[in-house]
């Protein structure tokens, strides 16, 4: 198991965690009762853990403030670096495709304009 790492969530993340811990009014539904406060809190921590790269079941407070906590990373530093590099390469590939498409569109428009000018 990896050593615990210090994390800091954003104010928006903290608000989501706090909101998830609030009780849900009991409403009679045919599909059953709403999730419990614990289930909702666990789901919020799980989502944050997936986004920030930690095991949500290992979260512990630090005493440094509400936004700070420790948890065991869900990926090694090497895995994280590889993932970040893959995401960067994919974003670059998508941007290149977008720019190439835009160039083709502009070249077509230019050809149409130049073709129209020869008929004047």
PDB file of N, CA and C in Angstrom:
ATOM      1  N   UNK A   1       0.847  -1.183   0.000  1.00  0.00           N
ATOM      2  CA  UNK A   1       0.000   0.000   0.000  1.00  0.00           C
ATOM      3  C   UNK A   1       0.883   1.234   0.000  1.00  0.00           C
ATOM      4  N   UNK A   2       0.468   2.244  -0.738  1.00  0.00           N
ATOM      5  CA  UNK A   2       1.220   3.472  -0.844  1.00  0.00           C
ATOM      6  C   UNK A   2       1.012   4.310   0.415  1.00  0.00           C
ATOM      7  N   UNK A   3       1.997   5.157   0.744  1.00  0.00           N
ATOM      8  CA  UNK A   3       1.820   6.029   1.911  1.00  0.00           C
ATOM      9  C   UNK A   3       0.737   7.071   1.639  1.00  0.00           C
ATOM     10  N   UNK A   4       0.130   7.533   2.714  1.00  0.00           N
ATOM     11  CA  UNK A   4      -0.918   8.553   2.564  1.00  0.00           C
ATOM     12  C   UNK A   4      -0.311   9.848   2.053  1.00  0.00           C
ATOM     13  N   UNK A   5      -1.105  10.538   1.274  1.00  0.00           N
ATOM     14  CA  UNK A   5      -0.698  11.799   0.654  1.00  0.00           C
ATOM     15  C   UNK A   5      -1.656  12.890   1.101  1.00  0.00           C
ATOM     16  N   UNK A   6      -1.129  14.085   1.254  1.00  0.00           N
ATOM     17  CA  UNK A   6      -1.970  15.229   1.623  1.00  0.00           C
ATOM     18  C   UNK A   6      -2.667  15.753   0.377  1.00  0.00           C
ATOM     19  N   UNK A   7      -3.962  15.960   0.482  1.00  0.00           N
ATOM     20  CA  UNK A   7      -4.770  16.503  -0.614  1.00  0.00           C
ATOM     21  C   UNK A   7      -5.478  17.758  -0.132  1.00  0.00           C
ATOM     22  N   UNK A   8      -5.791  18.620  -1.086  1.00  0.00           N
ATOM     23  CA  UNK A   8      -6.603  19.800  -0.793  1.00  0.00           C
ATOM     24  C   UNK A   8      -7.704  19.871  -1.848  1.00  0.00           C
ATOM     25  N   UNK A   9      -8.933  19.854  -1.380  1.00  0.00           N
ATOM     26  CA  UNK A   9     -10.060  19.970  -2.302  1.00  0.00           C
ATOM     27  C   UNK A   9     -10.423  21.442  -2.475  1.00  0.00           C
ATOM     28  N   UNK A  10     -11.157  21.730  -3.526  1.00  0.00           N
ATOM     29  CA  UNK A  10     -11.602  23.099  -3.770  1.00  0.00           C
ATOM     30  C   UNK A  10     -12.798  23.414  -2.882  1.00  0.00           C
ATOM     31  N   UNK A  11     -13.142  24.693  -2.828  1.00  0.00           N
ATOM     32  CA  UNK A  11     -14.343  25.097  -2.088  1.00  0.00           C
ATOM     33  C   UNK A  11     -15.580  24.432  -2.681  1.00  0.00           C
ATOM     34  N   UNK A  12     -15.624  24.320  -4.012  1.00  0.00           N
ATOM     35  CA  UNK A  12     -16.766  23.679  -4.676  1.00  0.00           C
ATOM     36  C   UNK A  12     -16.845  22.203  -4.297  1.00  0.00           C
ATOM     37  N   UNK A  13     -15.681  21.534  -4.215  1.00  0.00           N
ATOM     38  CA  UNK A  13     -15.667  20.128  -3.801  1.00  0.00           C
ATOM     39  C   UNK A  13     -16.177  19.986  -2.363  1.00  0.00           C
ATOM     40  N   UNK A  14     -15.724  20.879  -1.497  1.00  0.00           N
ATOM     41  CA  UNK A  14     -16.157  20.845  -0.099  1.00  0.00           C
ATOM     42  C   UNK A  14     -17.670  21.027  -0.004  1.00  0.00           C
ATOM     43  N   UNK A  15     -18.201  21.957  -0.783  1.00  0.00           N
ATOM     44  CA  UNK A  15     -19.649  22.193  -0.777  1.00  0.00           C
ATOM     45  C   UNK A  15     -20.398  20.933  -1.211  1.00  0.00           C
ATOM     46  N   UNK A  16     -19.892  20.241  -2.229  1.00  0.00           N
ATOM     47  CA  UNK A  16     -20.536  19.003  -2.691  1.00  0.00           C
ATOM     48  C   UNK A  16     -20.529  17.940  -1.595  1.00  0.00           C
ATOM     49  N   UNK A  17     -19.410  17.822  -0.882  1.00  0.00           N
ATOM     50  CA  UNK A  17     -19.316  16.835   0.204  1.00  0.00           C
ATOM     51  C   UNK A  17     -20.312  17.193   1.309  1.00  0.00           C
ATOM     52  N   UNK A  18     -20.348  18.465   1.693  1.00  0.00           N
ATOM     53  CA  UNK A  18     -21.259  18.901   2.755  1.00  0.00           C
ATOM     54  C   UNK A  18     -22.709  18.703   2.329  1.00  0.00           C
ATOM     55  N   UNK A  19     -23.030  19.083   1.077  1.00  0.00           N
ATOM     56  CA  UNK A  19     -24.399  18.903   0.580  1.00  0.00           C
ATOM     57  C   UNK A  19     -24.793  17.427   0.566  1.00  0.00           C
ATOM     58  N   UNK A  20     -23.838  16.560   0.244  1.00  0.00           N
ATOM     59  CA  UNK A  20     -24.134  15.127   0.202  1.00  0.00           C
ATOM     60  C   UNK A  20     -24.434  14.572   1.595  1.00  0.00           C
ATOM     61  N   UNK A  21     -23.912  15.235   2.612  1.00  0.00           N
ATOM     62  CA  UNK A  21     -24.115  14.767   3.984  1.00  0.00           C
ATOM     63  C   UNK A  21     -25.434  15.249   4.581  1.00  0.00           C
ATOM     64  N   UNK A  22     -26.104  16.172   3.899  1.00  0.00           N
ATOM     65  CA  UNK A  22     -27.385  16.679   4.400  1.00  0.00           C
ATOM     66  C   UNK A  22     -28.470  15.626   4.230  1.00  0.00           C
ATOM     67  N   UNK A  23     -29.387  15.549   5.175  1.00  0.00           N
ATOM     68  CA  UNK A  23     -30.458  14.567   5.055  1.00  0.00           C
ATOM     69  C   UNK A  23     -31.392  14.877   3.894  1.00  0.00           C
ATOM     70  N   UNK A  24     -31.921  13.823   3.325  1.00  0.00           N
ATOM     71  CA  UNK A  24     -32.876  13.950   2.228  1.00  0.00           C
ATOM     72  C   UNK A  24     -34.268  13.781   2.818  1.00  0.00           C
ATOM     73  N   UNK A  25     -35.218  14.655   2.459  1.00  0.00           N
ATOM     74  CA  UNK A  25     -36.571  14.486   2.986  1.00  0.00           C
ATOM     75  C   UNK A  25     -37.137  13.130   2.561  1.00  0.00           C
ATOM     76  N   UNK A  26     -37.780  12.484   3.476  1.00  0.00           N
ATOM     77  CA  UNK A  26     -38.364  11.175   3.192  1.00  0.00           C
ATOM     78  C   UNK A  26     -39.613  11.372   2.343  1.00  0.00           C
ATOM     79  N   UNK A  27     -39.585  10.853   1.172  1.00  0.00           N
ATOM     80  CA  UNK A  27     -40.709  10.943   0.252  1.00  0.00           C
ATOM     81  C   UNK A  27     -41.099   9.526  -0.110  1.00  0.00           C
ATOM     82  N   UNK A  28     -42.367   9.274  -0.084  1.00  0.00           N
ATOM     83  CA  UNK A  28     -42.818   7.932  -0.427  1.00  0.00           C
ATOM     84  C   UNK A  28     -42.719   7.752  -1.940  1.00  0.00           C
ATOM     85  N   UNK A  29     -41.883   6.864  -2.343  1.00  0.00           N
ATOM     86  CA  UNK A  29     -41.698   6.582  -3.754  1.00  0.00           C
ATOM     87  C   UNK A  29     -41.952   5.103  -4.005  1.00  0.00           C
ATOM     88  N   UNK A  30     -42.416   4.820  -5.162  1.00  0.00           N
ATOM     89  CA  UNK A  30     -42.647   3.422  -5.503  1.00  0.00           C
ATOM     90  C   UNK A  30     -41.333   2.678  -5.698  1.00  0.00           C
ATOM     91  N   UNK A  31     -40.275   3.435  -6.004  1.00  0.00           N
ATOM     92  CA  UNK A  31     -38.989   2.779  -6.242  1.00  0.00           C
ATOM     93  C   UNK A  31     -38.184   2.590  -4.958  1.00  0.00           C
ATOM     94  N   UNK A  32     -38.699   2.966  -3.813  1.00  0.00           N
ATOM     95  CA  UNK A  32     -38.023   2.738  -2.546  1.00  0.00           C
ATOM     96  C   UNK A  32     -37.571   4.018  -1.896  1.00  0.00           C
ATOM     97  N   UNK A  33     -36.983   3.895  -0.718  1.00  0.00           N
ATOM     98  CA  UNK A  33     -36.540   5.075   0.019  1.00  0.00           C
ATOM     99  C   UNK A  33     -35.303   5.695  -0.636  1.00  0.00           C
ATOM    100  N   UNK A  34     -35.073   6.988  -0.367  1.00  0.00           N
ATOM    101  CA  UNK A  34     -33.884   7.634  -0.924  1.00  0.00           C
ATOM    102  C   UNK A  34     -32.629   7.074  -0.263  1.00  0.00           C
ATOM    103  N   UNK A  35     -31.459   7.291  -0.862  1.00  0.00           N
ATOM    104  CA  UNK A  35     -30.227   6.807  -0.244  1.00  0.00           C
ATOM    105  C   UNK A  35     -30.000   7.482   1.108  1.00  0.00           C
ATOM    106  N   UNK A  36     -29.316   6.787   1.988  1.00  0.00           N
ATOM    107  CA  UNK A  36     -29.026   7.344   3.314  1.00  0.00           C
ATOM    108  C   UNK A  36     -27.962   8.431   3.200  1.00  0.00           C
ATOM    109  N   UNK A  37     -27.820   9.208   4.277  1.00  0.00           N
ATOM    110  CA  UNK A  37     -26.783  10.238   4.309  1.00  0.00           C
ATOM    111  C   UNK A  37     -25.409   9.606   4.122  1.00  0.00           C
ATOM    112  N   UNK A  38     -25.195   8.458   4.740  1.00  0.00           N
ATOM    113  CA  UNK A  38     -23.905   7.770   4.627  1.00  0.00           C
ATOM    114  C   UNK A  38     -23.639   7.345   3.187  1.00  0.00           C
ATOM    115  N   UNK A  39     -24.658   6.798   2.535  1.00  0.00           N
ATOM    116  CA  UNK A  39     -24.504   6.377   1.135  1.00  0.00           C
ATOM    117  C   UNK A  39     -24.203   7.573   0.235  1.00  0.00           C
ATOM    118  N   UNK A  40     -24.888   8.675   0.483  1.00  0.00           N
ATOM    119  CA  UNK A  40     -24.665   9.871  -0.335  1.00  0.00           C
ATOM    120  C   UNK A  40     -23.269  10.447  -0.087  1.00  0.00           C
ATOM    121  N   UNK A  41     -22.831  10.466   1.170  1.00  0.00           N
ATOM    122  CA  UNK A  41     -21.491  10.960   1.495  1.00  0.00           C
ATOM    123  C   UNK A  41     -20.436  10.062   0.855  1.00  0.00           C
ATOM    124  N   UNK A  42     -20.617   8.748   0.954  1.00  0.00           N
ATOM    125  CA  UNK A  42     -19.664   7.817   0.345  1.00  0.00           C
ATOM    126  C   UNK A  42     -19.588   8.025  -1.162  1.00  0.00           C
ATOM    127  N   UNK A  43     -20.726   8.235  -1.798  1.00  0.00           N
ATOM    128  CA  UNK A  43     -20.751   8.448  -3.251  1.00  0.00           C
ATOM    129  C   UNK A  43     -20.011   9.733  -3.622  1.00  0.00           C
ATOM    130  N   UNK A  44     -20.189  10.778  -2.817  1.00  0.00           N
ATOM    131  CA  UNK A  44     -19.509  12.054  -3.088  1.00  0.00           C
ATOM    132  C   UNK A  44     -17.999  11.902  -2.930  1.00  0.00           C
ATOM    133  N   UNK A  45     -17.566  11.201  -1.869  1.00  0.00           N
ATOM    134  CA  UNK A  45     -16.131  10.977  -1.673  1.00  0.00           C
ATOM    135  C   UNK A  45     -15.557  10.088  -2.779  1.00  0.00           C
ATOM    136  N   UNK A  46     -16.328   9.099  -3.203  1.00  0.00           N
ATOM    137  CA  UNK A  46     -15.868   8.208  -4.272  1.00  0.00           C
ATOM    138  C   UNK A  46     -15.643   9.004  -5.557  1.00  0.00           C
ATOM    139  N   UNK A  47     -16.594   9.866  -5.896  1.00  0.00           N
ATOM    140  CA  UNK A  47     -16.484  10.681  -7.107  1.00  0.00           C
ATOM    141  C   UNK A  47     -15.268  11.605  -7.020  1.00  0.00           C
ATOM    142  N   UNK A  48     -15.057  12.222  -5.853  1.00  0.00           N
ATOM    143  CA  UNK A  48     -13.901  13.094  -5.663  1.00  0.00           C
ATOM    144  C   UNK A  48     -12.610  12.290  -5.771  1.00  0.00           C
ATOM    145  N   UNK A  49     -12.604  11.093  -5.194  1.00  0.00           N
ATOM    146  CA  UNK A  49     -11.420  10.231  -5.259  1.00  0.00           C
ATOM    147  C   UNK A  49     -11.077   9.833  -6.680  1.00  0.00           C
ATOM    148  N   UNK A  50     -12.095   9.537  -7.474  1.00  0.00           N
ATOM    149  CA  UNK A  50     -11.855   9.177  -8.873  1.00  0.00           C
ATOM    150  C   UNK A  50     -11.265  10.353  -9.636  1.00  0.00           C
ATOM    151  N   UNK A  51     -11.762  11.548  -9.343  1.00  0.00           N
ATOM    152  CA  UNK A  51     -11.278  12.741 -10.039  1.00  0.00           C
ATOM    153  C   UNK A  51      -9.875  13.140  -9.591  1.00  0.00           C
ATOM    154  N   UNK A  52      -9.608  13.023  -8.289  1.00  0.00           N
ATOM    155  CA  UNK A  52      -8.325  13.483  -7.761  1.00  0.00           C
ATOM    156  C   UNK A  52      -7.281  12.373  -7.650  1.00  0.00           C
ATOM    157  N   UNK A  53      -7.687  11.110  -7.848  1.00  0.00           N
ATOM    158  CA  UNK A  53      -6.728  10.010  -7.845  1.00  0.00           C
ATOM    159  C   UNK A  53      -6.368   9.463  -6.474  1.00  0.00           C
ATOM    160  N   UNK A  54      -7.368   9.276  -5.600  1.00  0.00           N
ATOM    161  CA  UNK A  54      -7.113   8.651  -4.306  1.00  0.00           C
ATOM    162  C   UNK A  54      -8.212   7.644  -3.992  1.00  0.00           C
ATOM    163  N   UNK A  55      -7.885   6.730  -3.067  1.00  0.00           N
ATOM    164  CA  UNK A  55      -8.844   5.726  -2.615  1.00  0.00           C
ATOM    165  C   UNK A  55      -9.737   6.385  -1.567  1.00  0.00           C
ATOM    166  N   UNK A  56     -11.001   6.587  -1.911  1.00  0.00           N
ATOM    167  CA  UNK A  56     -11.905   7.340  -1.034  1.00  0.00           C
ATOM    168  C   UNK A  56     -12.138   6.664   0.315  1.00  0.00           C
ATOM    169  N   UNK A  57     -11.878   5.371   0.411  1.00  0.00           N
ATOM    170  CA  UNK A  57     -12.075   4.651   1.675  1.00  0.00           C
ATOM    171  C   UNK A  57     -10.919   4.883   2.660  1.00  0.00           C
ATOM    172  N   UNK A  58      -9.861   5.579   2.235  1.00  0.00           N
ATOM    173  CA  UNK A  58      -8.703   5.815   3.101  1.00  0.00           C
ATOM    174  C   UNK A  58      -8.598   7.264   3.575  1.00  0.00           C
ATOM    175  N   UNK A  59      -9.623   8.067   3.324  1.00  0.00           N
ATOM    176  CA  UNK A  59      -9.589   9.499   3.665  1.00  0.00           C
ATOM    177  C   UNK A  59      -9.579   9.682   5.182  1.00  0.00           C
ATOM    178  N   UNK A  60      -8.713  10.591   5.628  1.00  0.00           N
ATOM    179  CA  UNK A  60      -8.660  10.974   7.037  1.00  0.00           C
ATOM    180  C   UNK A  60      -8.447  12.479   7.124  1.00  0.00           C
ATOM    181  N   UNK A  61      -9.056  13.135   8.110  1.00  0.00           N
ATOM    182  CA  UNK A  61      -8.850  14.582   8.276  1.00  0.00           C
ATOM    183  C   UNK A  61      -7.422  14.864   8.742  1.00  0.00           C
ATOM    184  N   UNK A  62      -6.957  16.099   8.509  1.00  0.00           N
ATOM    185  CA  UNK A  62      -5.588  16.463   8.903  1.00  0.00           C
ATOM    186  C   UNK A  62      -5.551  17.442  10.062  1.00  0.00           C
ATOM    187  N   UNK A  63      -6.658  18.135  10.320  1.00  0.00           N
ATOM    188  CA  UNK A  63      -6.650  19.175  11.330  1.00  0.00           C
ATOM    189  C   UNK A  63      -6.176  20.509  10.779  1.00  0.00           C
ATOM    190  N   UNK A  64      -5.875  20.563   9.484  1.00  0.00           N
ATOM    191  CA  UNK A  64      -5.402  21.800   8.853  1.00  0.00           C
ATOM    192  C   UNK A  64      -6.543  22.637   8.295  1.00  0.00           C
ATOM    193  N   UNK A  65      -7.748  22.144   8.346  1.00  0.00           N
ATOM    194  CA  UNK A  65      -8.897  22.849   7.789  1.00  0.00           C
ATOM    195  C   UNK A  65      -9.797  21.862   7.077  1.00  0.00           C
ATOM    196  N   UNK A  66     -11.000  22.318   6.770  1.00  0.00           N
ATOM    197  CA  UNK A  66     -11.993  21.426   6.174  1.00  0.00           C
ATOM    198  C   UNK A  66     -11.612  20.910   4.801  1.00  0.00           C
ATOM    199  N   UNK A  67     -10.822  21.659   4.062  1.00  0.00           N
ATOM    200  CA  UNK A  67     -10.500  21.271   2.682  1.00  0.00           C
ATOM    201  C   UNK A  67      -9.306  20.335   2.590  1.00  0.00           C
ATOM    202  N   UNK A  68      -8.589  20.118   3.693  1.00  0.00           N
ATOM    203  CA  UNK A  68      -7.382  19.296   3.679  1.00  0.00           C
ATOM    204  C   UNK A  68      -7.665  17.918   4.268  1.00  0.00           C
ATOM    205  N   UNK A  69      -7.082  16.893   3.642  1.00  0.00           N
ATOM    206  CA  UNK A  69      -7.237  15.524   4.123  1.00  0.00           C
ATOM    207  C   UNK A  69      -6.093  14.693   3.571  1.00  0.00           C
ATOM    208  N   UNK A  70      -5.902  13.534   4.161  1.00  0.00           N
ATOM    209  CA  UNK A  70      -4.926  12.592   3.621  1.00  0.00           C
ATOM    210  C   UNK A  70      -5.677  11.378   3.102  1.00  0.00           C
ATOM    211  N   UNK A  71      -5.067  10.725   2.125  1.00  0.00           N
ATOM    212  CA  UNK A  71      -5.628   9.503   1.569  1.00  0.00           C
ATOM    213  C   UNK A  71      -4.526   8.769   0.824  1.00  0.00           C
ATOM    214  N   UNK A  72      -4.755   7.502   0.576  1.00  0.00           N
ATOM    215  CA  UNK A  72      -3.810   6.700  -0.184  1.00  0.00           C
ATOM    216  C   UNK A  72      -4.083   6.932  -1.671  1.00  0.00           C
ATOM    217  N   UNK A  73      -3.057   7.317  -2.432  1.00  0.00           N
ATOM    218  CA  UNK A  73      -3.252   7.513  -3.873  1.00  0.00           C
ATOM    219  C   UNK A  73      -3.731   6.217  -4.525  1.00  0.00           C
ATOM    220  N   UNK A  74      -4.577   6.355  -5.519  1.00  0.00           N
ATOM    221  CA  UNK A  74      -5.080   5.173  -6.214  1.00  0.00           C
ATOM    222  C   UNK A  74      -4.180   4.787  -7.378  1.00  0.00           C
ATOM    223  N   UNK A  75      -3.172   5.608  -7.641  1.00  0.00           N
ATOM    224  CA  UNK A  75      -2.216   5.296  -8.688  1.00  0.00           C
ATOM    225  C   UNK A  75      -0.841   5.757  -8.240  1.00  0.00           C
ATOM    226  N   UNK A  76       0.184   5.067  -8.721  1.00  0.00           N
ATOM    227  CA  UNK A  76       1.539   5.471  -8.370  1.00  0.00           C
ATOM    228  C   UNK A  76       1.885   6.757  -9.111  1.00  0.00           C
ATOM    229  N   UNK A  77       2.960   7.387  -8.687  1.00  0.00           N
ATOM    230  CA  UNK A  77       3.410   8.607  -9.359  1.00  0.00           C
ATOM    231  C   UNK A  77       3.733   8.315 -10.820  1.00  0.00           C
ATOM    232  N   UNK A  78       4.339   7.162 -11.075  1.00  0.00           N
ATOM    233  CA  UNK A  78       4.665   6.779 -12.455  1.00  0.00           C
ATOM    234  C   UNK A  78       3.393   6.606 -13.272  1.00  0.00           C
ATOM    235  N   UNK A  79       2.390   5.919 -12.695  1.00  0.00           N
ATOM    236  CA  UNK A  79       1.120   5.734 -13.400  1.00  0.00           C
ATOM    237  C   UNK A  79       0.438   7.076 -13.657  1.00  0.00           C
ATOM    238  N   UNK A  80       0.485   7.942 -12.666  1.00  0.00           N
ATOM    239  CA  UNK A  80      -0.117   9.260 -12.823  1.00  0.00           C
ATOM    240  C   UNK A  80       0.564  10.023 -13.949  1.00  0.00           C
ATOM    241  N   UNK A  81       1.904  10.018 -13.953  1.00  0.00           N
ATOM    242  CA  UNK A  81       2.643  10.730 -15.006  1.00  0.00           C
ATOM    243  C   UNK A  81       2.318  10.166 -16.388  1.00  0.00           C
ATOM    244  N   UNK A  82       2.217   8.841 -16.482  1.00  0.00           N
ATOM    245  CA  UNK A  82       1.862   8.208 -17.755  1.00  0.00           C
ATOM    246  C   UNK A  82       0.453   8.610 -18.193  1.00  0.00           C
ATOM    247  N   UNK A  83      -0.478   8.626 -17.243  1.00  0.00           N
ATOM    248  CA  UNK A  83      -1.858   9.014 -17.559  1.00  0.00           C
ATOM    249  C   UNK A  83      -1.920  10.472 -18.012  1.00  0.00           C
ATOM    250  N   UNK A  84      -1.227  11.353 -17.296  1.00  0.00           N
ATOM    251  CA  UNK A  84      -1.220  12.770 -17.650  1.00  0.00           C
ATOM    252  C   UNK A  84      -0.627  12.958 -19.047  1.00  0.00           C
ATOM    253  N   UNK A  85       0.450  12.224 -19.346  1.00  0.00           N
ATOM    254  CA  UNK A  85       1.067  12.317 -20.676  1.00  0.00           C
ATOM    255  C   UNK A  85       0.102  11.831 -21.752  1.00  0.00           C
ATOM    256  N   UNK A  86      -0.582  10.706 -21.503  1.00  0.00           N
ATOM    257  CA  UNK A  86      -1.565  10.189 -22.467  1.00  0.00           C
ATOM    258  C   UNK A  86      -2.687  11.200 -22.697  1.00  0.00           C
ATOM    259  N   UNK A  87      -3.190  11.791 -21.613  1.00  0.00           N
ATOM    260  CA  UNK A  87      -4.261  12.777 -21.741  1.00  0.00           C
ATOM    261  C   UNK A  87      -3.785  14.003 -22.514  1.00  0.00           C
ATOM    262  N   UNK A  88      -2.551  14.421 -22.289  1.00  0.00           N
ATOM    263  CA  UNK A  88      -1.998  15.569 -23.006  1.00  0.00           C
ATOM    264  C   UNK A  88      -1.856  15.245 -24.492  1.00  0.00           C
ATOM    265  N   UNK A  89      -1.335  14.056 -24.793  1.00  0.00           N
ATOM    266  CA  UNK A  89      -1.179  13.651 -26.199  1.00  0.00           C
ATOM    267  C   UNK A  89      -2.533  13.557 -26.895  1.00  0.00           C
ATOM    268  N   UNK A  90      -3.533  13.035 -26.202  1.00  0.00           N
ATOM    269  CA  UNK A  90      -4.872  12.925 -26.788  1.00  0.00           C
ATOM    270  C   UNK A  90      -5.460  14.313 -27.038  1.00  0.00           C
ATOM    271  N   UNK A  91      -5.276  15.223 -26.099  1.00  0.00           N
ATOM    272  CA  UNK A  91      -5.780  16.586 -26.283  1.00  0.00           C
ATOM    273  C   UNK A  91      -5.081  17.262 -27.461  1.00  0.00           C
ATOM    274  N   UNK A  92      -3.798  17.014 -27.616  1.00  0.00           N
ATOM    275  CA  UNK A  92      -3.066  17.576 -28.751  1.00  0.00           C
ATOM    276  C   UNK A  92      -3.572  16.987 -30.061  1.00  0.00           C
ATOM    277  N   UNK A  93      -3.808  15.678 -30.082  1.00  0.00           N
ATOM    278  CA  UNK A  93      -4.307  15.021 -31.288  1.00  0.00           C
ATOM    279  C   UNK A  93      -5.656  15.604 -31.693  1.00  0.00           C
ATOM    280  N   UNK A  94      -6.545  15.787 -30.730  1.00  0.00           N
ATOM    281  CA  UNK A  94      -7.864  16.354 -31.001  1.00  0.00           C
ATOM    282  C   UNK A  94      -7.732  17.785 -31.528  1.00  0.00           C
ATOM    283  N   UNK A  95      -6.825  18.559 -30.931  1.00  0.00           N
ATOM    284  CA  UNK A  95      -6.621  19.943 -31.375  1.00  0.00           C
ATOM    285  C   UNK A  95      -6.060  19.986 -32.790  1.00  0.00           C
ATOM    286  N   UNK A  96      -5.126  19.087 -33.110  1.00  0.00           N
ATOM    287  CA  UNK A  96      -4.569  19.026 -34.468  1.00  0.00           C
ATOM    288  C   UNK A  96      -5.669  18.703 -35.468  1.00  0.00           C
ATOM    289  N   UNK A  97      -6.524  17.733 -35.139  1.00  0.00           N
ATOM    290  CA  UNK A  97      -7.635  17.387 -36.034  1.00  0.00           C
ATOM    291  C   UNK A  97      -8.568  18.580 -36.241  1.00  0.00           C
ATOM    292  N   UNK A  98      -8.840  19.307 -35.167  1.00  0.00           N
ATOM    293  CA  UNK A  98      -9.719  20.475 -35.267  1.00  0.00           C
ATOM    294  C   UNK A  98      -9.096  21.548 -36.165  1.00  0.00           C
ATOM    295  N   UNK A  99      -7.815  21.799 -35.974  1.00  0.00           N
ATOM    296  CA  UNK A  99      -7.133  22.825 -36.767  1.00  0.00           C
ATOM    297  C   UNK A  99      -7.046  22.400 -38.229  1.00  0.00           C
ATOM    298  N   UNK A 100      -6.723  21.136 -38.481  1.00  0.00           N
ATOM    299  CA  UNK A 100      -6.654  20.654 -39.862  1.00  0.00           C
ATOM    300  C   UNK A 100      -8.004  20.776 -40.560  1.00  0.00           C
ATOM    301  N   UNK A 101      -9.066  20.469 -39.840  1.00  0.00           N
ATOM    302  CA  UNK A 101     -10.406  20.600 -40.398  1.00  0.00           C
ATOM    303  C   UNK A 101     -10.718  22.061 -40.716  1.00  0.00           C
ATOM    304  N   UNK A 102     -10.339  22.929 -39.812  1.00  0.00           N
ATOM    305  CA  UNK A 102     -10.573  24.365 -40.023  1.00  0.00           C
ATOM    306  C   UNK A 102      -9.771  24.865 -41.218  1.00  0.00           C
ATOM    307  N   UNK A 103      -8.539  24.385 -41.364  1.00  0.00           N
ATOM    308  CA  UNK A 103      -7.706  24.777 -42.500  1.00  0.00           C
ATOM    309  C   UNK A 103      -8.363  24.338 -43.808  1.00  0.00           C
ATOM    310  N   UNK A 104      -8.851  23.105 -43.846  1.00  0.00           N
ATOM    311  CA  UNK A 104      -9.518  22.610 -45.059  1.00  0.00           C
ATOM    312  C   UNK A 104     -10.730  23.468 -45.404  1.00  0.00           C
ATOM    313  N   UNK A 105     -11.502  23.815 -44.403  1.00  0.00           N
ATOM    314  CA  UNK A 105     -12.682  24.655 -44.629  1.00  0.00           C
ATOM    315  C   UNK A 105     -12.269  26.022 -45.169  1.00  0.00           C
ATOM    316  N   UNK A 106     -11.243  26.614 -44.579  1.00  0.00           N
ATOM    317  CA  UNK A 106     -10.779  27.926 -45.025  1.00  0.00           C
ATOM    318  C   UNK A 106     -10.166  27.857 -46.420  1.00  0.00           C
ATOM    319  N   UNK A 107      -9.443  26.769 -46.726  1.00  0.00           N
ATOM    320  CA  UNK A 107      -8.875  26.611 -48.062  1.00  0.00           C
ATOM    321  C   UNK A 107      -9.989  26.495 -49.109  1.00  0.00           C
ATOM    322  N   UNK A 108     -11.052  25.781 -48.769  1.00  0.00           N
ATOM    323  CA  UNK A 108     -12.188  25.646 -49.676  1.00  0.00           C
ATOM    324  C   UNK A 108     -12.837  27.016 -49.910  1.00  0.00           C
ATOM    325  N   UNK A 109     -13.028  27.778 -48.819  1.00  0.00           N
ATOM    326  CA  UNK A 109     -13.615  29.111 -48.948  1.00  0.00           C
ATOM    327  C   UNK A 109     -12.725  30.020 -49.793  1.00  0.00           C
ATOM    328  N   UNK A 110     -11.413  29.931 -49.596  1.00  0.00           N
ATOM    329  CA  UNK A 110     -10.474  30.734 -50.365  1.00  0.00           C
ATOM    330  C   UNK A 110     -10.534  30.362 -51.849  1.00  0.00           C
ATOM    331  N   UNK A 111     -10.585  29.072 -52.126  1.00  0.00           N
ATOM    332  CA  UNK A 111     -10.670  28.617 -53.518  1.00  0.00           C
ATOM    333  C   UNK A 111     -11.953  29.125 -54.161  1.00  0.00           C
ATOM    334  N   UNK A 112     -13.049  29.103 -53.416  1.00  0.00           N
ATOM    335  CA  UNK A 112     -14.321  29.599 -53.949  1.00  0.00           C
ATOM    336  C   UNK A 112     -14.249  31.096 -54.234  1.00  0.00           C
ATOM    337  N   UNK A 113     -13.623  31.839 -53.335  1.00  0.00           N
ATOM    338  CA  UNK A 113     -13.490  33.287 -53.521  1.00  0.00           C
ATOM    339  C   UNK A 113     -12.600  33.570 -54.736  1.00  0.00           C
ATOM    340  N   UNK A 114     -11.476  32.901 -54.828  1.00  0.00           N
ATOM    341  CA  UNK A 114     -10.560  33.114 -55.950  1.00  0.00           C
ATOM    342  C   UNK A 114     -11.181  32.667 -57.264  1.00  0.00           C
ATOM    343  N   UNK A 115     -11.948  31.585 -57.228  1.00  0.00           N
ATOM    344  CA  UNK A 115     -12.636  31.113 -58.422  1.00  0.00           C
ATOM    345  C   UNK A 115     -13.693  32.100 -58.871  1.00  0.00           C
ATOM    346  N   UNK A 116     -14.375  32.723 -57.943  1.00  0.00           N
ATOM    347  CA  UNK A 116     -15.415  33.703 -58.262  1.00  0.00           C
ATOM    348  C   UNK A 116     -14.804  34.963 -58.840  1.00  0.00           C
ATOM    349  N   UNK A 117     -13.605  35.326 -58.385  1.00  0.00           N
ATOM    350  CA  UNK A 117     -12.944  36.543 -58.860  1.00  0.00           C
ATOM    351  C   UNK A 117     -12.461  36.403 -60.299  1.00  0.00           C
ATOM    352  N   UNK A 118     -12.204  35.205 -60.771  1.00  0.00           N
ATOM    353  CA  UNK A 118     -11.734  35.042 -62.149  1.00  0.00           C
ATOM    354  C   UNK A 118     -12.853  35.210 -63.151  1.00  0.00           C
ATOM    355  N   UNK A 119     -14.106  35.155 -62.683  1.00  0.00           N
ATOM    356  CA  UNK A 119     -15.250  35.296 -63.560  1.00  0.00           C
ATOM    357  C   UNK A 119     -15.748  36.736 -63.659  1.00  0.00           C
ATOM    358  N   UNK A 120     -15.105  37.661 -62.989  1.00  0.00           N
ATOM    359  CA  UNK A 120     -15.559  39.070 -62.964  1.00  0.00           C
ATOM    360  C   UNK A 120     -15.129  39.790 -64.220  1.00  0.00           C
TER     361      UNK A 120
END
